[in-house]
């Protein structure tokens, strides 16, 4: 099944966020660049355990994407490769749910800079800023994703929101604001 126009918009936004240096490709360096930005923002030393933990999660996430989407094996994923991968991937609802329950937890761990197993609204907003995303809808998204309304997003809540981002065709669904507002 082909991606809808709305899914293409959402995935293009996701690609832009992943492409930290804006060169039109997602590569390992984009993931390490984001780790460096988080480390600077949080004041982590080069050898800080928080930095090592964040880098480990970021690189695991990169490896998972590269293994699935880098079709020409050049060590980077172009927009076309990303969209072809997404077109195949999103057609398998069970794979999407497994991704939302599993691999997306690497993103969760990167956002959870204090390592307490929950994401605060401030941690979420800072991550969007580091990714160069518009933070204007951060509060809306956060309030939606915080299903138990305890002021933190847990792992299950993040999985639910990410699954909605990937699968929802409703432009107003808050999960669609995960990477900032869609233009």
C-alpha atoms as a PDB file:
ATOM      1  CA  UNK A   1       0.000   0.000   0.000  1.00  0.00           C
ATOM      2  CA  UNK A   2       1.429   3.379  -0.985  1.00  0.00           C
ATOM      3  CA  UNK A   3       2.025   6.114   1.564  1.00  0.00           C
ATOM      4  CA  UNK A   4      -0.715   8.713   1.755  1.00  0.00           C
ATOM      5  CA  UNK A   5       0.132  12.359   1.097  1.00  0.00           C
ATOM      6  CA  UNK A   6      -0.285  13.018   4.829  1.00  0.00           C
ATOM      7  CA  UNK A   7       2.067  10.177   5.786  1.00  0.00           C
ATOM      8  CA  UNK A   8       4.623  11.515   3.318  1.00  0.00           C
ATOM      9  CA  UNK A   9       4.438  14.939   4.994  1.00  0.00           C
ATOM     10  CA  UNK A  10       4.904  13.427   8.437  1.00  0.00           C
ATOM     11  CA  UNK A  11       7.773  11.207   7.338  1.00  0.00           C
ATOM     12  CA  UNK A  12       9.442  14.096   5.517  1.00  0.00           C
ATOM     13  CA  UNK A  13       9.302  16.014   8.816  1.00  0.00           C
ATOM     14  CA  UNK A  14      10.775  13.040  10.661  1.00  0.00           C
ATOM     15  CA  UNK A  15      13.540  12.815   8.053  1.00  0.00           C
ATOM     16  CA  UNK A  16      14.331  16.523   8.490  1.00  0.00           C
ATOM     17  CA  UNK A  17      14.684  16.022  12.239  1.00  0.00           C
ATOM     18  CA  UNK A  18      16.913  12.976  11.784  1.00  0.00           C
ATOM     19  CA  UNK A  19      19.073  14.847   9.227  1.00  0.00           C
ATOM     20  CA  UNK A  20      20.807  16.958  11.892  1.00  0.00           C
ATOM     21  CA  UNK A  21      23.232  18.669   9.513  1.00  0.00           C
ATOM     22  CA  UNK A  22      20.645  19.308   6.797  1.00  0.00           C
ATOM     23  CA  UNK A  23      22.696  17.732   3.983  1.00  0.00           C
ATOM     24  CA  UNK A  24      19.800  15.656   2.646  1.00  0.00           C
ATOM     25  CA  UNK A  25      21.051  12.389   4.141  1.00  0.00           C
ATOM     26  CA  UNK A  26      20.756  10.703   7.503  1.00  0.00           C
ATOM     27  CA  UNK A  27      24.078   9.283   8.627  1.00  0.00           C
ATOM     28  CA  UNK A  28      25.847   8.137  11.762  1.00  0.00           C
ATOM     29  CA  UNK A  29      27.291  11.640  12.123  1.00  0.00           C
ATOM     30  CA  UNK A  30      23.766  13.078  12.461  1.00  0.00           C
ATOM     31  CA  UNK A  31      23.193  10.866  15.468  1.00  0.00           C
ATOM     32  CA  UNK A  32      26.541  11.703  17.079  1.00  0.00           C
ATOM     33  CA  UNK A  33      25.992  15.413  16.321  1.00  0.00           C
ATOM     34  CA  UNK A  34      22.719  15.265  18.240  1.00  0.00           C
ATOM     35  CA  UNK A  35      24.461  13.513  21.151  1.00  0.00           C
ATOM     36  CA  UNK A  36      27.096  16.277  21.159  1.00  0.00           C
ATOM     37  CA  UNK A  37      24.343  18.904  21.239  1.00  0.00           C
ATOM     38  CA  UNK A  38      22.584  17.166  24.134  1.00  0.00           C
ATOM     39  CA  UNK A  39      25.896  16.875  26.002  1.00  0.00           C
ATOM     40  CA  UNK A  40      26.657  20.586  25.536  1.00  0.00           C
ATOM     41  CA  UNK A  41      23.161  21.556  26.597  1.00  0.00           C
ATOM     42  CA  UNK A  42      23.260  19.325  29.679  1.00  0.00           C
ATOM     43  CA  UNK A  43      26.859  20.232  30.542  1.00  0.00           C
ATOM     44  CA  UNK A  44      28.119  16.652  30.313  1.00  0.00           C
ATOM     45  CA  UNK A  45      31.862  16.076  30.162  1.00  0.00           C
ATOM     46  CA  UNK A  46      33.310  14.000  27.313  1.00  0.00           C
ATOM     47  CA  UNK A  47      33.638  10.988  29.642  1.00  0.00           C
ATOM     48  CA  UNK A  48      30.334  11.460  31.523  1.00  0.00           C
ATOM     49  CA  UNK A  49      28.283   8.277  31.918  1.00  0.00           C
ATOM     50  CA  UNK A  50      25.163  10.168  30.788  1.00  0.00           C
ATOM     51  CA  UNK A  51      26.896  11.048  27.540  1.00  0.00           C
ATOM     52  CA  UNK A  52      28.046   7.457  26.969  1.00  0.00           C
ATOM     53  CA  UNK A  53      24.528   6.190  27.684  1.00  0.00           C
ATOM     54  CA  UNK A  54      22.945   8.706  25.292  1.00  0.00           C
ATOM     55  CA  UNK A  55      25.495   7.926  22.589  1.00  0.00           C
ATOM     56  CA  UNK A  56      24.900   4.189  22.947  1.00  0.00           C
ATOM     57  CA  UNK A  57      21.157   4.653  22.428  1.00  0.00           C
ATOM     58  CA  UNK A  58      21.639   7.046  19.512  1.00  0.00           C
ATOM     59  CA  UNK A  59      24.025   4.721  17.700  1.00  0.00           C
ATOM     60  CA  UNK A  60      21.761   1.719  18.228  1.00  0.00           C
ATOM     61  CA  UNK A  61      18.967   3.730  16.644  1.00  0.00           C
ATOM     62  CA  UNK A  62      21.221   4.674  13.701  1.00  0.00           C
ATOM     63  CA  UNK A  63      22.276   1.059  13.151  1.00  0.00           C
ATOM     64  CA  UNK A  64      18.643  -0.085  13.102  1.00  0.00           C
ATOM     65  CA  UNK A  65      17.744   2.529  10.486  1.00  0.00           C
ATOM     66  CA  UNK A  66      20.853   1.937   8.369  1.00  0.00           C
ATOM     67  CA  UNK A  67      20.349  -1.813   8.346  1.00  0.00           C
ATOM     68  CA  UNK A  68      16.793  -1.431   7.056  1.00  0.00           C
ATOM     69  CA  UNK A  69      16.932   1.634   4.837  1.00  0.00           C
ATOM     70  CA  UNK A  70      20.474   2.084   3.443  1.00  0.00           C
ATOM     71  CA  UNK A  71      19.747   0.250   0.203  1.00  0.00           C
ATOM     72  CA  UNK A  72      22.900   1.294  -1.654  1.00  0.00           C
ATOM     73  CA  UNK A  73      25.057   0.591   1.432  1.00  0.00           C
ATOM     74  CA  UNK A  74      26.875   3.933   1.252  1.00  0.00           C
ATOM     75  CA  UNK A  75      26.662   4.542   4.991  1.00  0.00           C
ATOM     76  CA  UNK A  76      23.874   7.071   4.762  1.00  0.00           C
ATOM     77  CA  UNK A  77      20.144   7.117   4.112  1.00  0.00           C
ATOM     78  CA  UNK A  78      18.790   9.548   1.533  1.00  0.00           C
ATOM     79  CA  UNK A  79      15.242  10.881   1.545  1.00  0.00           C
ATOM     80  CA  UNK A  80      14.203   8.506  -1.276  1.00  0.00           C
ATOM     81  CA  UNK A  81      15.662   5.491   0.560  1.00  0.00           C
ATOM     82  CA  UNK A  82      13.922   6.605   3.740  1.00  0.00           C
ATOM     83  CA  UNK A  83      10.574   6.960   1.979  1.00  0.00           C
ATOM     84  CA  UNK A  84      10.907   3.587   0.204  1.00  0.00           C
ATOM     85  CA  UNK A  85      11.740   1.965   3.536  1.00  0.00           C
ATOM     86  CA  UNK A  86       8.800   3.703   5.231  1.00  0.00           C
ATOM     87  CA  UNK A  87       6.416   2.685   2.446  1.00  0.00           C
ATOM     88  CA  UNK A  88       7.253  -0.980   2.985  1.00  0.00           C
ATOM     89  CA  UNK A  89       7.544  -0.724   6.751  1.00  0.00           C
ATOM     90  CA  UNK A  90       4.262   1.092   7.393  1.00  0.00           C
ATOM     91  CA  UNK A  91       2.366  -1.503   5.387  1.00  0.00           C
ATOM     92  CA  UNK A  92       3.090  -4.028   8.153  1.00  0.00           C
ATOM     93  CA  UNK A  93       0.998  -2.829  11.111  1.00  0.00           C
ATOM     94  CA  UNK A  94       2.458  -5.420  13.461  1.00  0.00           C
ATOM     95  CA  UNK A  95       6.009  -4.311  12.582  1.00  0.00           C
ATOM     96  CA  UNK A  96       5.001  -0.693  13.273  1.00  0.00           C
ATOM     97  CA  UNK A  97       3.587  -1.661  16.654  1.00  0.00           C
ATOM     98  CA  UNK A  98       6.725  -3.648  17.469  1.00  0.00           C
ATOM     99  CA  UNK A  99       8.852  -0.643  16.448  1.00  0.00           C
ATOM    100  CA  UNK A 100       6.756   1.671  18.611  1.00  0.00           C
ATOM    101  CA  UNK A 101       7.169  -0.720  21.538  1.00  0.00           C
ATOM    102  CA  UNK A 102      10.854  -1.452  20.973  1.00  0.00           C
ATOM    103  CA  UNK A 103      13.124   0.632  18.773  1.00  0.00           C
ATOM    104  CA  UNK A 104      11.384   3.914  19.585  1.00  0.00           C
ATOM    105  CA  UNK A 105      12.547   3.374  23.142  1.00  0.00           C
ATOM    106  CA  UNK A 106      15.993   4.428  21.939  1.00  0.00           C
ATOM    107  CA  UNK A 107      14.499   7.844  21.136  1.00  0.00           C
ATOM    108  CA  UNK A 108      12.834   7.801  24.534  1.00  0.00           C
ATOM    109  CA  UNK A 109      16.164   7.098  26.220  1.00  0.00           C
ATOM    110  CA  UNK A 110      17.832   9.928  24.299  1.00  0.00           C
ATOM    111  CA  UNK A 111      15.140  12.347  25.499  1.00  0.00           C
ATOM    112  CA  UNK A 112      15.308  11.077  29.089  1.00  0.00           C
ATOM    113  CA  UNK A 113      18.489  12.979  29.919  1.00  0.00           C
ATOM    114  CA  UNK A 114      18.231  12.487  33.676  1.00  0.00           C
ATOM    115  CA  UNK A 115      17.723   8.728  33.263  1.00  0.00           C
ATOM    116  CA  UNK A 116      14.704   8.521  35.565  1.00  0.00           C
ATOM    117  CA  UNK A 117      12.648   6.459  33.099  1.00  0.00           C
ATOM    118  CA  UNK A 118      10.233   9.284  32.343  1.00  0.00           C
ATOM    119  CA  UNK A 119      10.320  12.310  30.066  1.00  0.00           C
ATOM    120  CA  UNK A 120       9.446  15.689  31.505  1.00  0.00           C
ATOM    121  CA  UNK A 121       7.985  18.425  29.362  1.00  0.00           C
ATOM    122  CA  UNK A 122      11.287  20.306  29.705  1.00  0.00           C
ATOM    123  CA  UNK A 123      13.291  17.267  28.505  1.00  0.00           C
ATOM    124  CA  UNK A 124      10.953  16.903  25.532  1.00  0.00           C
ATOM    125  CA  UNK A 125      11.144  20.593  24.620  1.00  0.00           C
ATOM    126  CA  UNK A 126      14.954  20.598  24.918  1.00  0.00           C
ATOM    127  CA  UNK A 127      15.183  17.578  22.620  1.00  0.00           C
ATOM    128  CA  UNK A 128      13.034  19.309  19.997  1.00  0.00           C
ATOM    129  CA  UNK A 129      15.250  22.398  20.248  1.00  0.00           C
ATOM    130  CA  UNK A 130      18.383  20.293  19.796  1.00  0.00           C
ATOM    131  CA  UNK A 131      16.815  18.687  16.717  1.00  0.00           C
ATOM    132  CA  UNK A 132      16.017  22.115  15.296  1.00  0.00           C
ATOM    133  CA  UNK A 133      12.292  21.421  15.485  1.00  0.00           C
ATOM    134  CA  UNK A 134       9.614  24.007  16.172  1.00  0.00           C
ATOM    135  CA  UNK A 135       8.731  23.756  19.868  1.00  0.00           C
ATOM    136  CA  UNK A 136       5.483  25.737  19.630  1.00  0.00           C
ATOM    137  CA  UNK A 137       3.339  22.596  19.894  1.00  0.00           C
ATOM    138  CA  UNK A 138       5.452  20.875  22.549  1.00  0.00           C
ATOM    139  CA  UNK A 139       2.911  21.549  25.295  1.00  0.00           C
ATOM    140  CA  UNK A 140       0.007  20.281  23.184  1.00  0.00           C
ATOM    141  CA  UNK A 141       1.832  17.128  22.229  1.00  0.00           C
ATOM    142  CA  UNK A 142       3.076  16.568  25.752  1.00  0.00           C
ATOM    143  CA  UNK A 143      -0.380  16.967  27.308  1.00  0.00           C
ATOM    144  CA  UNK A 144      -1.789  14.475  24.823  1.00  0.00           C
ATOM    145  CA  UNK A 145       1.009  11.930  25.233  1.00  0.00           C
ATOM    146  CA  UNK A 146       0.810  12.087  29.043  1.00  0.00           C
ATOM    147  CA  UNK A 147      -2.114   9.651  29.136  1.00  0.00           C
ATOM    148  CA  UNK A 148      -2.125   9.254  32.922  1.00  0.00           C
ATOM    149  CA  UNK A 149      -1.736  13.039  33.398  1.00  0.00           C
ATOM    150  CA  UNK A 150       1.122  12.705  35.887  1.00  0.00           C
ATOM    151  CA  UNK A 151       3.322  15.349  34.245  1.00  0.00           C
ATOM    152  CA  UNK A 152       5.706  12.797  32.710  1.00  0.00           C
ATOM    153  CA  UNK A 153       5.655  10.601  29.615  1.00  0.00           C
ATOM    154  CA  UNK A 154       6.450   6.968  30.311  1.00  0.00           C
ATOM    155  CA  UNK A 155       7.640   4.334  27.864  1.00  0.00           C
ATOM    156  CA  UNK A 156       4.155   3.000  27.099  1.00  0.00           C
ATOM    157  CA  UNK A 157       2.855   6.513  26.530  1.00  0.00           C
ATOM    158  CA  UNK A 158       5.712   7.263  24.117  1.00  0.00           C
ATOM    159  CA  UNK A 159       5.046   4.039  22.213  1.00  0.00           C
ATOM    160  CA  UNK A 160       1.366   4.912  21.878  1.00  0.00           C
ATOM    161  CA  UNK A 161       2.124   8.422  20.611  1.00  0.00           C
ATOM    162  CA  UNK A 162       4.741   7.241  18.139  1.00  0.00           C
ATOM    163  CA  UNK A 163       2.433   4.578  16.768  1.00  0.00           C
ATOM    164  CA  UNK A 164      -0.158   7.285  16.255  1.00  0.00           C
ATOM    165  CA  UNK A 165       2.439   9.463  14.500  1.00  0.00           C
ATOM    166  CA  UNK A 166       3.239   6.652  12.091  1.00  0.00           C
ATOM    167  CA  UNK A 167      -0.290   5.430  11.411  1.00  0.00           C
ATOM    168  CA  UNK A 168      -2.826   8.199  12.047  1.00  0.00           C
ATOM    169  CA  UNK A 169      -4.450   9.918   9.107  1.00  0.00           C
ATOM    170  CA  UNK A 170      -6.050  12.529  11.376  1.00  0.00           C
ATOM    171  CA  UNK A 171      -4.068  15.781  11.006  1.00  0.00           C
ATOM    172  CA  UNK A 172      -5.345  16.947  14.398  1.00  0.00           C
ATOM    173  CA  UNK A 173      -4.135  13.884  16.315  1.00  0.00           C
ATOM    174  CA  UNK A 174      -1.590  15.108  18.818  1.00  0.00           C
ATOM    175  CA  UNK A 175       0.789  12.214  18.114  1.00  0.00           C
ATOM    176  CA  UNK A 176       1.360  13.844  14.745  1.00  0.00           C
ATOM    177  CA  UNK A 177       3.127  16.732  16.518  1.00  0.00           C
ATOM    178  CA  UNK A 178       5.862  14.460  17.929  1.00  0.00           C
ATOM    179  CA  UNK A 179       8.549  16.183  15.807  1.00  0.00           C
ATOM    180  CA  UNK A 180       6.948  19.620  15.923  1.00  0.00           C
ATOM    181  CA  UNK A 181       4.078  20.989  13.868  1.00  0.00           C
ATOM    182  CA  UNK A 182       3.614  19.804  10.305  1.00  0.00           C
ATOM    183  CA  UNK A 183       3.805  22.524   7.718  1.00  0.00           C
END
